[in-house]
Amino acid sequence: MTRIQRCLGVLAALGTALCALAAAPAALATPAPPDPNSPWVVPPAAVHTVVTGGMPGWQITLIAAAAALAAAVAAVVLDRARIARRRMARPAT
């Protein structure tokens, strides 16, 4: 059963990587610039970004660091619980 699960995990990882590679060119695509000699070319409008709210960068960094720390702690706790359960399941000899 472990072999099947490992194979399915590898297939899932390869499928995910394939989807990511297929979507990458579309995400990085930019439209071709218009021909400047064409009489129908309209200059692009000036865009002024107005920021009235939002979250400062230090708060975003703090949230990301806390999430990474929480994930690491959860992984260690779950790993130790799994190891403890495995040791208890073995019969004493």
N, C-alpha and C. Protein backbone atom coordinates (compact mmCIF):
# COMPACT_ATOMS: atom_id res chain seq x y z
N MET A 1 0.81 -1.19 0.00
CA MET A 1 0.00 0.00 0.00
C MET A 1 0.86 1.26 0.00
N THR A 2 2.00 1.19 0.67
CA THR A 2 2.88 2.35 0.74
C THR A 2 3.42 2.71 -0.64
N ARG A 3 3.70 1.68 -1.45
CA ARG A 3 4.22 1.93 -2.79
C ARG A 3 3.19 2.66 -3.65
N ILE A 4 1.95 2.26 -3.54
CA ILE A 4 0.88 2.91 -4.32
C ILE A 4 0.72 4.36 -3.89
N GLN A 5 0.74 4.60 -2.59
CA GLN A 5 0.60 5.97 -2.09
C GLN A 5 1.77 6.83 -2.55
N ARG A 6 2.96 6.27 -2.53
CA ARG A 6 4.14 7.02 -2.97
C ARG A 6 4.04 7.34 -4.46
N CYS A 7 3.59 6.38 -5.25
CA CYS A 7 3.44 6.62 -6.68
C CYS A 7 2.37 7.68 -6.95
N LEU A 8 1.27 7.61 -6.22
CA LEU A 8 0.23 8.62 -6.39
C LEU A 8 0.72 10.00 -5.97
N GLY A 9 1.52 10.06 -4.94
CA GLY A 9 2.09 11.34 -4.52
C GLY A 9 3.02 11.92 -5.58
N VAL A 10 3.83 11.06 -6.18
CA VAL A 10 4.72 11.52 -7.24
C VAL A 10 3.92 11.99 -8.43
N LEU A 11 2.88 11.26 -8.80
CA LEU A 11 2.03 11.67 -9.92
C LEU A 11 1.34 13.00 -9.64
N ALA A 12 0.87 13.20 -8.40
CA ALA A 12 0.23 14.46 -8.04
C ALA A 12 1.22 15.62 -8.12
N ALA A 13 2.45 15.38 -7.66
CA ALA A 13 3.47 16.43 -7.72
C ALA A 13 3.82 16.77 -9.17
N LEU A 14 3.96 15.75 -10.00
CA LEU A 14 4.26 16.00 -11.41
C LEU A 14 3.12 16.71 -12.11
N GLY A 15 1.89 16.35 -11.79
CA GLY A 15 0.73 17.03 -12.39
C GLY A 15 0.66 18.48 -11.98
N THR A 16 0.95 18.75 -10.70
CA THR A 16 0.95 20.13 -10.23
C THR A 16 2.04 20.93 -10.91
N ALA A 17 3.22 20.35 -11.03
CA ALA A 17 4.33 21.04 -11.70
C ALA A 17 4.00 21.31 -13.16
N LEU A 18 3.36 20.36 -13.81
CA LEU A 18 2.98 20.54 -15.21
C LEU A 18 1.97 21.67 -15.36
N CYS A 19 0.99 21.72 -14.47
CA CYS A 19 0.00 22.81 -14.52
C CYS A 19 0.67 24.16 -14.27
N ALA A 20 1.61 24.20 -13.34
CA ALA A 20 2.30 25.46 -13.05
C ALA A 20 3.12 25.91 -14.25
N LEU A 21 3.80 24.97 -14.90
CA LEU A 21 4.59 25.33 -16.07
C LEU A 21 3.72 25.74 -17.24
N ALA A 22 2.55 25.15 -17.35
CA ALA A 22 1.65 25.51 -18.44
C ALA A 22 1.05 26.90 -18.23
N ALA A 23 0.85 27.29 -16.97
CA ALA A 23 0.24 28.59 -16.69
C ALA A 23 1.27 29.71 -16.65
N ALA A 24 2.55 29.39 -16.52
CA ALA A 24 3.57 30.43 -16.39
C ALA A 24 3.65 31.35 -17.61
N PRO A 25 3.66 30.84 -18.85
CA PRO A 25 3.74 31.77 -19.99
C PRO A 25 2.54 32.70 -20.06
N ALA A 26 1.37 32.22 -19.71
CA ALA A 26 0.18 33.07 -19.76
C ALA A 26 0.24 34.15 -18.69
N ALA A 27 0.83 33.82 -17.55
CA ALA A 27 0.91 34.80 -16.48
C ALA A 27 1.94 35.88 -16.79
N LEU A 28 2.96 35.54 -17.55
CA LEU A 28 4.01 36.49 -17.86
C LEU A 28 3.81 37.22 -19.18
N ALA A 29 2.74 36.90 -19.89
CA ALA A 29 2.50 37.50 -21.20
C ALA A 29 2.11 38.97 -21.07
N THR A 30 2.59 39.77 -22.00
CA THR A 30 2.21 41.18 -22.07
C THR A 30 1.73 41.47 -23.48
N PRO A 31 0.78 42.37 -23.63
CA PRO A 31 0.31 42.67 -24.98
C PRO A 31 1.38 43.39 -25.79
N ALA A 32 1.33 43.21 -27.08
CA ALA A 32 2.29 43.86 -27.97
C ALA A 32 2.00 45.36 -27.99
N PRO A 33 3.03 46.19 -28.02
CA PRO A 33 2.79 47.63 -28.06
C PRO A 33 2.16 48.02 -29.40
N PRO A 34 1.32 49.04 -29.40
CA PRO A 34 0.69 49.45 -30.65
C PRO A 34 1.69 50.12 -31.59
N ASP A 35 1.36 50.10 -32.85
CA ASP A 35 2.21 50.73 -33.86
C ASP A 35 2.11 52.25 -33.71
N PRO A 36 3.22 52.96 -33.45
CA PRO A 36 3.13 54.41 -33.24
C PRO A 36 2.78 55.19 -34.50
N ASN A 37 2.95 54.59 -35.69
CA ASN A 37 2.65 55.29 -36.93
C ASN A 37 1.19 55.16 -37.34
N SER A 38 0.42 54.40 -36.61
CA SER A 38 -0.98 54.20 -36.96
C SER A 38 -1.79 55.44 -36.57
N PRO A 39 -2.74 55.86 -37.41
CA PRO A 39 -3.53 57.06 -37.07
C PRO A 39 -4.55 56.80 -35.95
N TRP A 40 -4.79 55.54 -35.62
CA TRP A 40 -5.78 55.23 -34.59
C TRP A 40 -5.17 55.05 -33.21
N VAL A 41 -3.89 55.31 -33.09
CA VAL A 41 -3.22 55.12 -31.80
C VAL A 41 -3.59 56.27 -30.87
N VAL A 42 -4.12 55.91 -29.74
CA VAL A 42 -4.47 56.90 -28.71
C VAL A 42 -3.46 56.73 -27.58
N PRO A 43 -2.85 57.81 -27.12
CA PRO A 43 -1.89 57.65 -26.03
C PRO A 43 -2.59 57.16 -24.77
N PRO A 44 -1.93 56.33 -24.01
CA PRO A 44 -2.57 55.81 -22.80
C PRO A 44 -2.81 56.91 -21.77
N ALA A 45 -3.88 56.76 -21.04
CA ALA A 45 -4.22 57.74 -20.03
C ALA A 45 -3.28 57.61 -18.84
N ALA A 46 -3.01 58.74 -18.19
CA ALA A 46 -2.16 58.71 -17.01
C ALA A 46 -2.96 58.16 -15.84
N VAL A 47 -2.38 57.23 -15.13
CA VAL A 47 -3.06 56.61 -13.99
C VAL A 47 -2.34 57.03 -12.72
N HIS A 48 -3.08 57.58 -11.79
CA HIS A 48 -2.53 57.99 -10.50
C HIS A 48 -3.13 57.09 -9.44
N THR A 49 -2.29 56.32 -8.78
CA THR A 49 -2.76 55.41 -7.76
C THR A 49 -2.92 56.17 -6.45
N VAL A 50 -4.08 56.03 -5.85
CA VAL A 50 -4.35 56.67 -4.58
C VAL A 50 -4.51 55.58 -3.54
N VAL A 51 -3.64 55.59 -2.55
CA VAL A 51 -3.70 54.60 -1.48
C VAL A 51 -4.29 55.28 -0.26
N THR A 52 -5.46 54.83 0.16
CA THR A 52 -6.10 55.43 1.32
C THR A 52 -6.08 54.50 2.52
N GLY A 53 -5.71 53.29 2.32
CA GLY A 53 -5.69 52.33 3.41
C GLY A 53 -4.78 51.19 3.05
N GLY A 54 -4.96 50.11 3.72
CA GLY A 54 -4.13 48.95 3.43
C GLY A 54 -3.31 48.57 4.64
N MET A 55 -2.50 47.57 4.46
CA MET A 55 -1.71 47.04 5.56
C MET A 55 -0.24 47.37 5.31
N PRO A 56 0.45 47.93 6.31
CA PRO A 56 1.88 48.22 6.13
C PRO A 56 2.69 46.94 5.92
N GLY A 57 3.81 47.09 5.28
CA GLY A 57 4.66 45.95 4.97
C GLY A 57 5.14 45.20 6.20
N TRP A 58 5.43 45.90 7.29
CA TRP A 58 5.94 45.22 8.48
C TRP A 58 4.89 44.30 9.08
N GLN A 59 3.60 44.67 8.94
CA GLN A 59 2.55 43.80 9.47
C GLN A 59 2.42 42.54 8.62
N ILE A 60 2.56 42.69 7.32
CA ILE A 60 2.51 41.53 6.43
C ILE A 60 3.67 40.59 6.74
N THR A 61 4.85 41.16 6.96
CA THR A 61 6.02 40.35 7.30
C THR A 61 5.81 39.63 8.63
N LEU A 62 5.25 40.32 9.60
CA LEU A 62 5.01 39.72 10.91
C LEU A 62 4.00 38.57 10.81
N ILE A 63 2.95 38.74 10.04
CA ILE A 63 1.95 37.69 9.86
C ILE A 63 2.58 36.48 9.17
N ALA A 64 3.39 36.72 8.14
CA ALA A 64 4.03 35.61 7.42
C ALA A 64 4.99 34.85 8.33
N ALA A 65 5.76 35.59 9.15
CA ALA A 65 6.69 34.93 10.06
C ALA A 65 5.95 34.12 11.12
N ALA A 66 4.85 34.67 11.65
CA ALA A 66 4.06 33.94 12.64
C ALA A 66 3.44 32.68 12.03
N ALA A 67 2.97 32.78 10.80
CA ALA A 67 2.39 31.61 10.14
C ALA A 67 3.44 30.54 9.91
N ALA A 68 4.64 30.93 9.50
CA ALA A 68 5.71 29.96 9.30
C ALA A 68 6.12 29.30 10.61
N LEU A 69 6.18 30.09 11.69
CA LEU A 69 6.52 29.54 12.99
C LEU A 69 5.44 28.57 13.48
N ALA A 70 4.18 28.94 13.30
CA ALA A 70 3.09 28.06 13.72
C ALA A 70 3.10 26.76 12.92
N ALA A 71 3.39 26.83 11.63
CA ALA A 71 3.45 25.62 10.81
C ALA A 71 4.61 24.72 11.24
N ALA A 72 5.75 25.33 11.58
CA ALA A 72 6.89 24.54 12.04
C ALA A 72 6.59 23.86 13.37
N VAL A 73 5.98 24.59 14.28
CA VAL A 73 5.63 24.00 15.59
C VAL A 73 4.63 22.87 15.41
N ALA A 74 3.62 23.08 14.56
CA ALA A 74 2.62 22.03 14.33
C ALA A 74 3.28 20.79 13.71
N ALA A 75 4.21 20.98 12.79
CA ALA A 75 4.88 19.84 12.16
C ALA A 75 5.70 19.06 13.18
N VAL A 76 6.40 19.75 14.06
CA VAL A 76 7.20 19.06 15.07
C VAL A 76 6.31 18.31 16.04
N VAL A 77 5.24 18.94 16.50
CA VAL A 77 4.33 18.29 17.45
C VAL A 77 3.68 17.05 16.82
N LEU A 78 3.22 17.18 15.58
CA LEU A 78 2.59 16.03 14.92
C LEU A 78 3.60 14.91 14.67
N ASP A 79 4.83 15.27 14.33
CA ASP A 79 5.85 14.24 14.10
C ASP A 79 6.17 13.50 15.40
N ARG A 80 6.30 14.24 16.48
CA ARG A 80 6.58 13.58 17.76
C ARG A 80 5.41 12.72 18.22
N ALA A 81 4.18 13.17 17.97
CA ALA A 81 3.01 12.37 18.33
C ALA A 81 2.97 11.08 17.51
N ARG A 82 3.33 11.19 16.23
CA ARG A 82 3.33 9.99 15.37
C ARG A 82 4.39 9.01 15.83
N ILE A 83 5.56 9.50 16.20
CA ILE A 83 6.63 8.62 16.67
C ILE A 83 6.23 7.96 17.99
N ALA A 84 5.63 8.72 18.88
CA ALA A 84 5.21 8.16 20.17
C ALA A 84 4.14 7.10 19.97
N ARG A 85 3.23 7.34 19.06
CA ARG A 85 2.18 6.35 18.82
C ARG A 85 2.76 5.08 18.20
N ARG A 86 3.75 5.24 17.34
CA ARG A 86 4.37 4.09 16.70
C ARG A 86 5.09 3.23 17.75
N ARG A 87 5.74 3.88 18.71
CA ARG A 87 6.45 3.13 19.75
C ARG A 87 5.47 2.40 20.67
N MET A 88 4.31 2.99 20.93
CA MET A 88 3.33 2.37 21.80
C MET A 88 2.65 1.19 21.10
N ALA A 89 2.55 1.22 19.79
CA ALA A 89 1.84 0.18 19.07
C ALA A 89 2.63 -1.12 19.01
N ARG A 90 3.94 -1.06 19.16
CA ARG A 90 4.75 -2.27 19.10
C ARG A 90 4.58 -3.08 20.36
N PRO A 91 4.48 -4.39 20.26
CA PRO A 91 4.37 -5.21 21.45
C PRO A 91 5.71 -5.29 22.18
N ALA A 92 5.63 -5.36 23.49
CA ALA A 92 6.85 -5.45 24.30
C ALA A 92 7.42 -6.86 24.17
N THR A 93 8.73 -6.95 24.02
CA THR A 93 9.36 -8.28 23.90
C THR A 93 10.25 -8.56 25.08
